[in-house]
Amino acid sequence: MWAALTALIDQYLQPQGHQPVGFANPLLYRLARSSTPYPPYHDVTVGTSDLYPAGPGYDMVTGLGTPAAWNLARDLAPLTGRS
């Protein structure tokens, strides 16, 4: 899923003159820590595993949450640099 999502985000970035996302992990966590114009993730706050409960923000069950693809693309644009 992340490979396909990244390919679509790159297709969004390229016509605007931005670099492709590349290794996304640092950028994804940077977005999670910052205030962004568009919420990049849907925070999953309900549920549990055998060991951990889900809750607001990052948790061991759902991580950052599920990606909001369109918002994620728009938030990544200023972080990827220009070609």
Protein backbone atom coordinates (compact mmCIF):
# COMPACT_ATOMS: atom_id res chain seq x y z
CA MET A 1 0.00 0.00 0.00
CA TRP A 2 2.78 2.45 0.92
CA ALA A 3 4.60 1.82 -2.38
CA ALA A 4 1.45 2.62 -4.36
CA LEU A 5 0.70 5.64 -2.20
CA THR A 6 4.23 6.95 -2.64
CA ALA A 7 4.00 6.51 -6.42
CA LEU A 8 0.79 8.56 -6.47
CA ILE A 9 2.31 11.24 -4.26
CA ASP A 10 5.34 11.42 -6.58
CA GLN A 11 2.96 11.87 -9.53
CA TYR A 12 1.38 14.78 -7.66
CA LEU A 13 4.75 16.36 -6.78
CA GLN A 14 6.51 16.08 -10.15
CA PRO A 15 4.39 18.56 -12.18
CA GLN A 16 4.92 21.12 -9.41
CA GLY A 17 8.70 20.78 -9.76
CA HIS A 18 9.22 18.92 -6.46
CA GLN A 19 11.63 16.05 -5.86
CA PRO A 20 10.18 12.54 -5.40
CA VAL A 21 9.52 11.49 -1.81
CA GLY A 22 12.34 8.91 -1.67
CA PHE A 23 12.96 7.43 1.79
CA ALA A 24 9.81 8.69 3.45
CA ASN A 25 10.15 7.65 7.11
CA PRO A 26 11.86 10.83 8.37
CA LEU A 27 9.32 13.00 6.54
CA LEU A 28 6.32 10.99 7.78
CA TYR A 29 7.38 11.27 11.41
CA ARG A 30 8.26 14.94 10.93
CA LEU A 31 4.71 15.57 9.73
CA ALA A 32 3.32 13.67 12.71
CA ARG A 33 5.27 15.92 15.12
CA SER A 34 4.36 19.19 13.45
CA SER A 35 1.28 21.26 12.85
CA THR A 36 0.34 20.89 9.20
CA PRO A 37 -2.23 22.67 7.05
CA TYR A 38 -3.94 19.34 6.26
CA PRO A 39 -4.11 16.42 8.75
CA PRO A 40 -1.85 13.76 7.13
CA TYR A 41 -3.18 10.84 9.20
CA HIS A 42 -6.48 9.54 10.52
CA ASP A 43 -5.68 8.85 14.16
CA VAL A 44 -7.03 5.46 15.21
CA THR A 45 -7.92 5.75 18.89
CA VAL A 46 -10.12 2.71 19.47
CA GLY A 47 -8.97 -0.89 19.66
CA THR A 48 -6.33 -2.98 21.29
CA SER A 49 -3.91 -5.84 20.77
CA ASP A 50 -3.14 -8.44 23.41
CA LEU A 51 -0.58 -6.05 24.88
CA TYR A 52 -1.31 -2.46 23.89
CA PRO A 53 -4.36 -0.19 23.61
CA ALA A 54 -4.90 2.32 20.82
CA GLY A 55 -5.02 5.95 21.89
CA PRO A 56 -4.55 9.51 20.68
CA GLY A 57 -1.32 10.14 18.76
CA TYR A 58 1.31 7.48 18.12
CA ASP A 59 0.69 4.13 19.77
CA MET A 60 2.07 0.62 19.43
CA VAL A 61 -1.16 -0.76 17.94
CA THR A 62 -1.86 1.67 15.12
CA GLY A 63 1.37 3.65 14.80
CA LEU A 64 0.66 7.07 13.33
CA GLY A 65 -2.77 5.97 12.12
CA THR A 66 -3.97 5.53 8.57
CA PRO A 67 -2.71 7.86 5.85
CA ALA A 68 -4.95 10.58 4.46
CA ALA A 69 -3.41 10.32 0.98
CA TRP A 70 -4.46 13.68 -0.49
CA ASN A 71 -3.53 15.58 2.67
CA LEU A 72 -0.25 13.70 2.95
CA ALA A 73 0.71 14.67 -0.61
CA ARG A 74 -0.04 18.33 0.02
CA ASP A 75 1.86 18.35 3.33
CA LEU A 76 4.89 16.59 1.80
CA ALA A 77 5.23 19.06 -1.09
CA PRO A 78 7.09 21.79 0.83
CA LEU A 79 9.36 19.19 2.48
CA THR A 80 10.65 17.50 -0.69
CA GLY A 81 12.51 20.41 -2.27
CA ARG A 82 12.44 21.66 -5.82
CA SER A 83 13.98 19.87 -8.79
